[in-house]
PDB file of N, CA and C in Angstrom:
ATOM      1  N   MET A   1       0.847  -1.181   0.000  1.00  0.00           N
ATOM      2  CA  MET A   1       0.000   0.000   0.000  1.00  0.00           C
ATOM      3  C   MET A   1       0.886   1.235   0.000  1.00  0.00           C
ATOM      4  N   HIS A   2       0.460   2.269  -0.685  1.00  0.00           N
ATOM      5  CA  HIS A   2       1.230   3.502  -0.811  1.00  0.00           C
ATOM      6  C   HIS A   2       1.355   4.196   0.549  1.00  0.00           C
ATOM      7  N   SER A   3       2.538   4.697   0.874  1.00  0.00           N
ATOM      8  CA  SER A   3       2.789   5.273   2.193  1.00  0.00           C
ATOM      9  C   SER A   3       1.915   6.489   2.480  1.00  0.00           C
ATOM     10  N   LYS A   4       1.576   7.300   1.457  1.00  0.00           N
ATOM     11  CA  LYS A   4       0.716   8.457   1.712  1.00  0.00           C
ATOM     12  C   LYS A   4      -0.678   8.004   2.114  1.00  0.00           C
ATOM     13  N   TRP A   5      -1.151   6.895   1.538  1.00  0.00           N
ATOM     14  CA  TRP A   5      -2.461   6.370   1.920  1.00  0.00           C
ATOM     15  C   TRP A   5      -2.402   5.902   3.366  1.00  0.00           C
ATOM     16  N   LEU A   6      -1.333   5.242   3.735  1.00  0.00           N
ATOM     17  CA  LEU A   6      -1.189   4.791   5.115  1.00  0.00           C
ATOM     18  C   LEU A   6      -1.143   5.988   6.051  1.00  0.00           C
ATOM     19  N   ASN A   7      -0.387   7.019   5.684  1.00  0.00           N
ATOM     20  CA  ASN A   7      -0.285   8.199   6.532  1.00  0.00           C
ATOM     21  C   ASN A   7      -1.648   8.833   6.754  1.00  0.00           C
ATOM     22  N   ARG A   8      -2.427   9.031   5.685  1.00  0.00           N
ATOM     23  CA  ARG A   8      -3.729   9.668   5.815  1.00  0.00           C
ATOM     24  C   ARG A   8      -4.661   8.797   6.659  1.00  0.00           C
ATOM     25  N   LYS A   9      -4.647   7.504   6.418  1.00  0.00           N
ATOM     26  CA  LYS A   9      -5.550   6.606   7.120  1.00  0.00           C
ATOM     27  C   LYS A   9      -5.227   6.530   8.617  1.00  0.00           C
ATOM     28  N   TYR A  10      -3.972   6.426   8.946  1.00  0.00           N
ATOM     29  CA  TYR A  10      -3.600   6.208  10.339  1.00  0.00           C
ATOM     30  C   TYR A  10      -3.162   7.452  11.098  1.00  0.00           C
ATOM     31  N   PHE A  11      -2.761   8.485  10.389  1.00  0.00           N
ATOM     32  CA  PHE A  11      -2.258   9.674  11.061  1.00  0.00           C
ATOM     33  C   PHE A  11      -3.079  10.918  10.764  1.00  0.00           C
ATOM     34  N   ASN A  12      -4.238  10.747  10.090  1.00  0.00           N
ATOM     35  CA  ASN A  12      -5.164  11.842   9.814  1.00  0.00           C
ATOM     36  C   ASN A  12      -4.543  13.012   9.065  1.00  0.00           C
ATOM     37  N   THR A  13      -3.650  12.766   8.121  1.00  0.00           N
ATOM     38  CA  THR A  13      -3.185  13.847   7.277  1.00  0.00           C
ATOM     39  C   THR A  13      -4.319  14.214   6.333  1.00  0.00           C
ATOM     40  N   MET A  14      -4.268  15.388   5.759  1.00  0.00           N
ATOM     41  CA  MET A  14      -5.376  15.882   4.958  1.00  0.00           C
ATOM     42  C   MET A  14      -5.070  15.812   3.466  1.00  0.00           C
ATOM     43  N   ALA A  15      -6.092  15.529   2.691  1.00  0.00           N
ATOM     44  CA  ALA A  15      -5.986  15.600   1.242  1.00  0.00           C
ATOM     45  C   ALA A  15      -6.133  17.062   0.834  1.00  0.00           C
ATOM     46  N   TYR A  16      -5.834  17.342  -0.410  1.00  0.00           N
ATOM     47  CA  TYR A  16      -6.029  18.695  -0.919  1.00  0.00           C
ATOM     48  C   TYR A  16      -7.506  19.030  -0.918  1.00  0.00           C
ATOM     49  N   LYS A  17      -7.828  20.317  -0.821  1.00  0.00           N
ATOM     50  CA  LYS A  17      -9.208  20.797  -0.820  1.00  0.00           C
ATOM     51  C   LYS A  17      -9.345  21.938  -1.812  1.00  0.00           C
ATOM     52  N   ILE A  18     -10.559  22.096  -2.325  1.00  0.00           N
ATOM     53  CA  ILE A  18     -10.852  23.164  -3.275  1.00  0.00           C
ATOM     54  C   ILE A  18     -11.786  24.160  -2.593  1.00  0.00           C
ATOM     55  N   SER A  19     -11.388  25.430  -2.576  1.00  0.00           N
ATOM     56  CA  SER A  19     -12.186  26.470  -1.921  1.00  0.00           C
ATOM     57  C   SER A  19     -13.255  27.006  -2.872  1.00  0.00           C
ATOM     58  N   THR A  20     -14.068  27.898  -2.359  1.00  0.00           N
ATOM     59  CA  THR A  20     -15.108  28.525  -3.173  1.00  0.00           C
ATOM     60  C   THR A  20     -14.541  29.508  -4.186  1.00  0.00           C
ATOM     61  N   ASP A  21     -13.228  29.715  -4.180  1.00  0.00           N
ATOM     62  CA  ASP A  21     -12.583  30.542  -5.208  1.00  0.00           C
ATOM     63  C   ASP A  21     -12.508  29.813  -6.543  1.00  0.00           C
ATOM     64  N   CYS A  22     -12.876  28.539  -6.550  1.00  0.00           N
ATOM     65  CA  CYS A  22     -12.844  27.716  -7.768  1.00  0.00           C
ATOM     66  C   CYS A  22     -13.742  28.333  -8.838  1.00  0.00           C
ATOM     67  N   VAL A  23     -13.218  28.436 -10.064  1.00  0.00           N
ATOM     68  CA  VAL A  23     -13.984  28.974 -11.195  1.00  0.00           C
ATOM     69  C   VAL A  23     -14.451  27.862 -12.133  1.00  0.00           C
ATOM     70  N   ALA A  24     -14.301  26.617 -11.720  1.00  0.00           N
ATOM     71  CA  ALA A  24     -14.770  25.442 -12.470  1.00  0.00           C
ATOM     72  C   ALA A  24     -14.237  25.414 -13.902  1.00  0.00           C
ATOM     73  N   CYS A  25     -12.942  25.666 -14.043  1.00  0.00           N
ATOM     74  CA  CYS A  25     -12.330  25.685 -15.379  1.00  0.00           C
ATOM     75  C   CYS A  25     -11.998  24.284 -15.893  1.00  0.00           C
ATOM     76  N   GLY A  26     -11.863  23.315 -14.988  1.00  0.00           N
ATOM     77  CA  GLY A  26     -11.580  21.943 -15.380  1.00  0.00           C
ATOM     78  C   GLY A  26     -10.112  21.583 -15.487  1.00  0.00           C
ATOM     79  N   THR A  27      -9.230  22.528 -15.295  1.00  0.00           N
ATOM     80  CA  THR A  27      -7.793  22.257 -15.417  1.00  0.00           C
ATOM     81  C   THR A  27      -7.341  21.178 -14.445  1.00  0.00           C
ATOM     82  N   CYS A  28      -7.792  21.235 -13.215  1.00  0.00           N
ATOM     83  CA  CYS A  28      -7.364  20.271 -12.206  1.00  0.00           C
ATOM     84  C   CYS A  28      -7.847  18.860 -12.529  1.00  0.00           C
ATOM     85  N   ILE A  29      -9.064  18.747 -13.045  1.00  0.00           N
ATOM     86  CA  ILE A  29      -9.597  17.423 -13.389  1.00  0.00           C
ATOM     87  C   ILE A  29      -8.725  16.761 -14.444  1.00  0.00           C
ATOM     88  N   ASP A  30      -8.347  17.527 -15.440  1.00  0.00           N
ATOM     89  CA  ASP A  30      -7.522  16.989 -16.522  1.00  0.00           C
ATOM     90  C   ASP A  30      -6.143  16.558 -16.050  1.00  0.00           C
ATOM     91  N   GLU A  31      -5.636  17.160 -14.985  1.00  0.00           N
ATOM     92  CA  GLU A  31      -4.279  16.888 -14.513  1.00  0.00           C
ATOM     93  C   GLU A  31      -4.186  15.865 -13.390  1.00  0.00           C
ATOM     94  N   CYS A  32      -5.274  15.603 -12.683  1.00  0.00           N
ATOM     95  CA  CYS A  32      -5.224  14.685 -11.540  1.00  0.00           C
ATOM     96  C   CYS A  32      -4.907  13.261 -12.016  1.00  0.00           C
ATOM     97  N   PRO A  33      -3.797  12.682 -11.541  1.00  0.00           N
ATOM     98  CA  PRO A  33      -3.391  11.355 -12.021  1.00  0.00           C
ATOM     99  C   PRO A  33      -4.239  10.197 -11.492  1.00  0.00           C
ATOM    100  N   VAL A  34      -5.053  10.458 -10.466  1.00  0.00           N
ATOM    101  CA  VAL A  34      -5.853   9.369  -9.887  1.00  0.00           C
ATOM    102  C   VAL A  34      -7.356   9.605  -9.974  1.00  0.00           C
ATOM    103  N   GLY A  35      -7.777  10.669 -10.618  1.00  0.00           N
ATOM    104  CA  GLY A  35      -9.202  10.938 -10.783  1.00  0.00           C
ATOM    105  C   GLY A  35      -9.929  11.264  -9.493  1.00  0.00           C
ATOM    106  N   ALA A  36      -9.275  11.987  -8.600  1.00  0.00           N
ATOM    107  CA  ALA A  36      -9.858  12.298  -7.292  1.00  0.00           C
ATOM    108  C   ALA A  36     -10.778  13.514  -7.314  1.00  0.00           C
ATOM    109  N   ILE A  37     -10.815  14.252  -8.417  1.00  0.00           N
ATOM    110  CA  ILE A  37     -11.571  15.501  -8.477  1.00  0.00           C
ATOM    111  C   ILE A  37     -12.887  15.299  -9.216  1.00  0.00           C
ATOM    112  N   SER A  38     -13.955  15.832  -8.629  1.00  0.00           N
ATOM    113  CA  SER A  38     -15.293  15.708  -9.204  1.00  0.00           C
ATOM    114  C   SER A  38     -15.856  17.077  -9.550  1.00  0.00           C
ATOM    115  N   GLU A  39     -16.621  17.126 -10.634  1.00  0.00           N
ATOM    116  CA  GLU A  39     -17.297  18.360 -11.030  1.00  0.00           C
ATOM    117  C   GLU A  39     -18.563  18.545 -10.213  1.00  0.00           C
ATOM    118  N   GLY A  40     -19.020  19.767 -10.153  1.00  0.00           N
ATOM    119  CA  GLY A  40     -20.248  20.126  -9.473  1.00  0.00           C
ATOM    120  C   GLY A  40     -20.336  21.632  -9.476  1.00  0.00           C
ATOM    121  N   GLU A  41     -21.256  22.177  -8.694  1.00  0.00           N
ATOM    122  CA  GLU A  41     -21.334  23.632  -8.593  1.00  0.00           C
ATOM    123  C   GLU A  41     -19.959  24.175  -8.192  1.00  0.00           C
ATOM    124  N   HIS A  42     -19.346  23.484  -7.228  1.00  0.00           N
ATOM    125  CA  HIS A  42     -17.947  23.716  -6.873  1.00  0.00           C
ATOM    126  C   HIS A  42     -17.270  22.364  -6.999  1.00  0.00           C
ATOM    127  N   TYR A  43     -16.094  22.340  -7.563  1.00  0.00           N
ATOM    128  CA  TYR A  43     -15.370  21.082  -7.689  1.00  0.00           C
ATOM    129  C   TYR A  43     -14.964  20.593  -6.303  1.00  0.00           C
ATOM    130  N   SER A  44     -14.755  19.290  -6.176  1.00  0.00           N
ATOM    131  CA  SER A  44     -14.338  18.741  -4.888  1.00  0.00           C
ATOM    132  C   SER A  44     -13.317  17.635  -5.111  1.00  0.00           C
ATOM    133  N   ILE A  45     -12.540  17.371  -4.078  1.00  0.00           N
ATOM    134  CA  ILE A  45     -11.514  16.339  -4.114  1.00  0.00           C
ATOM    135  C   ILE A  45     -11.881  15.262  -3.108  1.00  0.00           C
ATOM    136  N   ASP A  46     -11.931  14.024  -3.569  1.00  0.00           N
ATOM    137  CA  ASP A  46     -12.245  12.892  -2.697  1.00  0.00           C
ATOM    138  C   ASP A  46     -11.001  12.572  -1.868  1.00  0.00           C
ATOM    139  N   PRO A  47     -11.058  12.773  -0.547  1.00  0.00           N
ATOM    140  CA  PRO A  47      -9.880  12.540   0.293  1.00  0.00           C
ATOM    141  C   PRO A  47      -9.450  11.076   0.347  1.00  0.00           C
ATOM    142  N   GLU A  48     -10.359  10.171   0.028  1.00  0.00           N
ATOM    143  CA  GLU A  48     -10.014   8.748   0.018  1.00  0.00           C
ATOM    144  C   GLU A  48      -9.226   8.357  -1.226  1.00  0.00           C
ATOM    145  N   VAL A  49      -9.292   9.182  -2.258  1.00  0.00           N
ATOM    146  CA  VAL A  49      -8.618   8.883  -3.522  1.00  0.00           C
ATOM    147  C   VAL A  49      -7.358   9.738  -3.701  1.00  0.00           C
ATOM    148  N   CYS A  50      -7.375  10.960  -3.190  1.00  0.00           N
ATOM    149  CA  CYS A  50      -6.253  11.902  -3.336  1.00  0.00           C
ATOM    150  C   CYS A  50      -4.958  11.294  -2.773  1.00  0.00           C
ATOM    151  N   ILE A  51      -3.891  11.397  -3.552  1.00  0.00           N
ATOM    152  CA  ILE A  51      -2.591  10.877  -3.110  1.00  0.00           C
ATOM    153  C   ILE A  51      -1.634  12.004  -2.706  1.00  0.00           C
ATOM    154  N   GLU A  52      -2.171  13.219  -2.568  1.00  0.00           N
ATOM    155  CA  GLU A  52      -1.397  14.378  -2.114  1.00  0.00           C
ATOM    156  C   GLU A  52      -0.189  14.676  -2.990  1.00  0.00           C
ATOM    157  N   CYS A  53      -0.334  14.517  -4.298  1.00  0.00           N
ATOM    158  CA  CYS A  53       0.794  14.770  -5.201  1.00  0.00           C
ATOM    159  C   CYS A  53       1.005  16.258  -5.462  1.00  0.00           C
ATOM    160  N   GLY A  54      -0.037  17.078  -5.278  1.00  0.00           N
ATOM    161  CA  GLY A  54       0.087  18.520  -5.458  1.00  0.00           C
ATOM    162  C   GLY A  54      -0.074  19.017  -6.877  1.00  0.00           C
ATOM    163  N   THR A  55      -0.304  18.121  -7.812  1.00  0.00           N
ATOM    164  CA  THR A  55      -0.449  18.528  -9.205  1.00  0.00           C
ATOM    165  C   THR A  55      -1.594  19.514  -9.376  1.00  0.00           C
ATOM    166  N   CYS A  56      -2.720  19.248  -8.757  1.00  0.00           N
ATOM    167  CA  CYS A  56      -3.891  20.115  -8.892  1.00  0.00           C
ATOM    168  C   CYS A  56      -3.597  21.535  -8.389  1.00  0.00           C
ATOM    169  N   GLU A  57      -2.935  21.633  -7.261  1.00  0.00           N
ATOM    170  CA  GLU A  57      -2.600  22.939  -6.698  1.00  0.00           C
ATOM    171  C   GLU A  57      -1.705  23.719  -7.649  1.00  0.00           C
ATOM    172  N   GLY A  58      -0.767  23.029  -8.269  1.00  0.00           N
ATOM    173  CA  GLY A  58       0.174  23.684  -9.173  1.00  0.00           C
ATOM    174  C   GLY A  58      -0.440  24.192 -10.461  1.00  0.00           C
ATOM    175  N   VAL A  59      -1.540  23.588 -10.909  1.00  0.00           N
ATOM    176  CA  VAL A  59      -2.138  24.002 -12.180  1.00  0.00           C
ATOM    177  C   VAL A  59      -3.362  24.898 -12.011  1.00  0.00           C
ATOM    178  N   CYS A  60      -3.848  25.078 -10.804  1.00  0.00           N
ATOM    179  CA  CYS A  60      -5.074  25.858 -10.585  1.00  0.00           C
ATOM    180  C   CYS A  60      -4.830  27.341 -10.858  1.00  0.00           C
ATOM    181  N   PRO A  61      -5.501  27.904 -11.882  1.00  0.00           N
ATOM    182  CA  PRO A  61      -5.258  29.302 -12.212  1.00  0.00           C
ATOM    183  C   PRO A  61      -5.846  30.287 -11.206  1.00  0.00           C
ATOM    184  N   SER A  62      -6.803  29.848 -10.389  1.00  0.00           N
ATOM    185  CA  SER A  62      -7.416  30.758  -9.421  1.00  0.00           C
ATOM    186  C   SER A  62      -6.863  30.590  -8.012  1.00  0.00           C
ATOM    187  N   GLY A  63      -5.928  29.676  -7.822  1.00  0.00           N
ATOM    188  CA  GLY A  63      -5.338  29.450  -6.504  1.00  0.00           C
ATOM    189  C   GLY A  63      -6.336  28.920  -5.495  1.00  0.00           C
ATOM    190  N   ALA A  64      -7.321  28.155  -5.968  1.00  0.00           N
ATOM    191  CA  ALA A  64      -8.401  27.671  -5.105  1.00  0.00           C
ATOM    192  C   ALA A  64      -8.096  26.353  -4.425  1.00  0.00           C
ATOM    193  N   ILE A  65      -6.942  25.747  -4.712  1.00  0.00           N
ATOM    194  CA  ILE A  65      -6.632  24.432  -4.156  1.00  0.00           C
ATOM    195  C   ILE A  65      -5.462  24.550  -3.182  1.00  0.00           C
ATOM    196  N   SER A  66      -5.653  23.932  -2.012  1.00  0.00           N
ATOM    197  CA  SER A  66      -4.577  23.945  -1.004  1.00  0.00           C
ATOM    198  C   SER A  66      -4.648  22.677  -0.176  1.00  0.00           C
ATOM    199  N   LEU A  67      -3.590  22.404   0.523  1.00  0.00           N
ATOM    200  CA  LEU A  67      -3.494  21.214   1.371  1.00  0.00           C
ATOM    201  C   LEU A  67      -4.112  21.505   2.718  1.00  0.00           C
TER     202      LEU A  67
END
C-alpha cells in the first residue's frame, strides 16, 4: 500500500481541498493522475482517492486548491 495512503488513514493527514474561489475551469480534473476531483457547482476532491501529489494545486489558475 502507498505510504501516503497509510499516513492519511492512520495519522489523519489531509488531502487537498478546493475552496469557493474555484472557477470550475476543469484544469485540475484533466491533470489529476488518480481521478480524485469531481465536477459540481464547486469542484471537490475525494480525500479517500487523493494521493497528495500537489499537481492540482500547481495548475489551478485561481489558486483555489490547497493542502
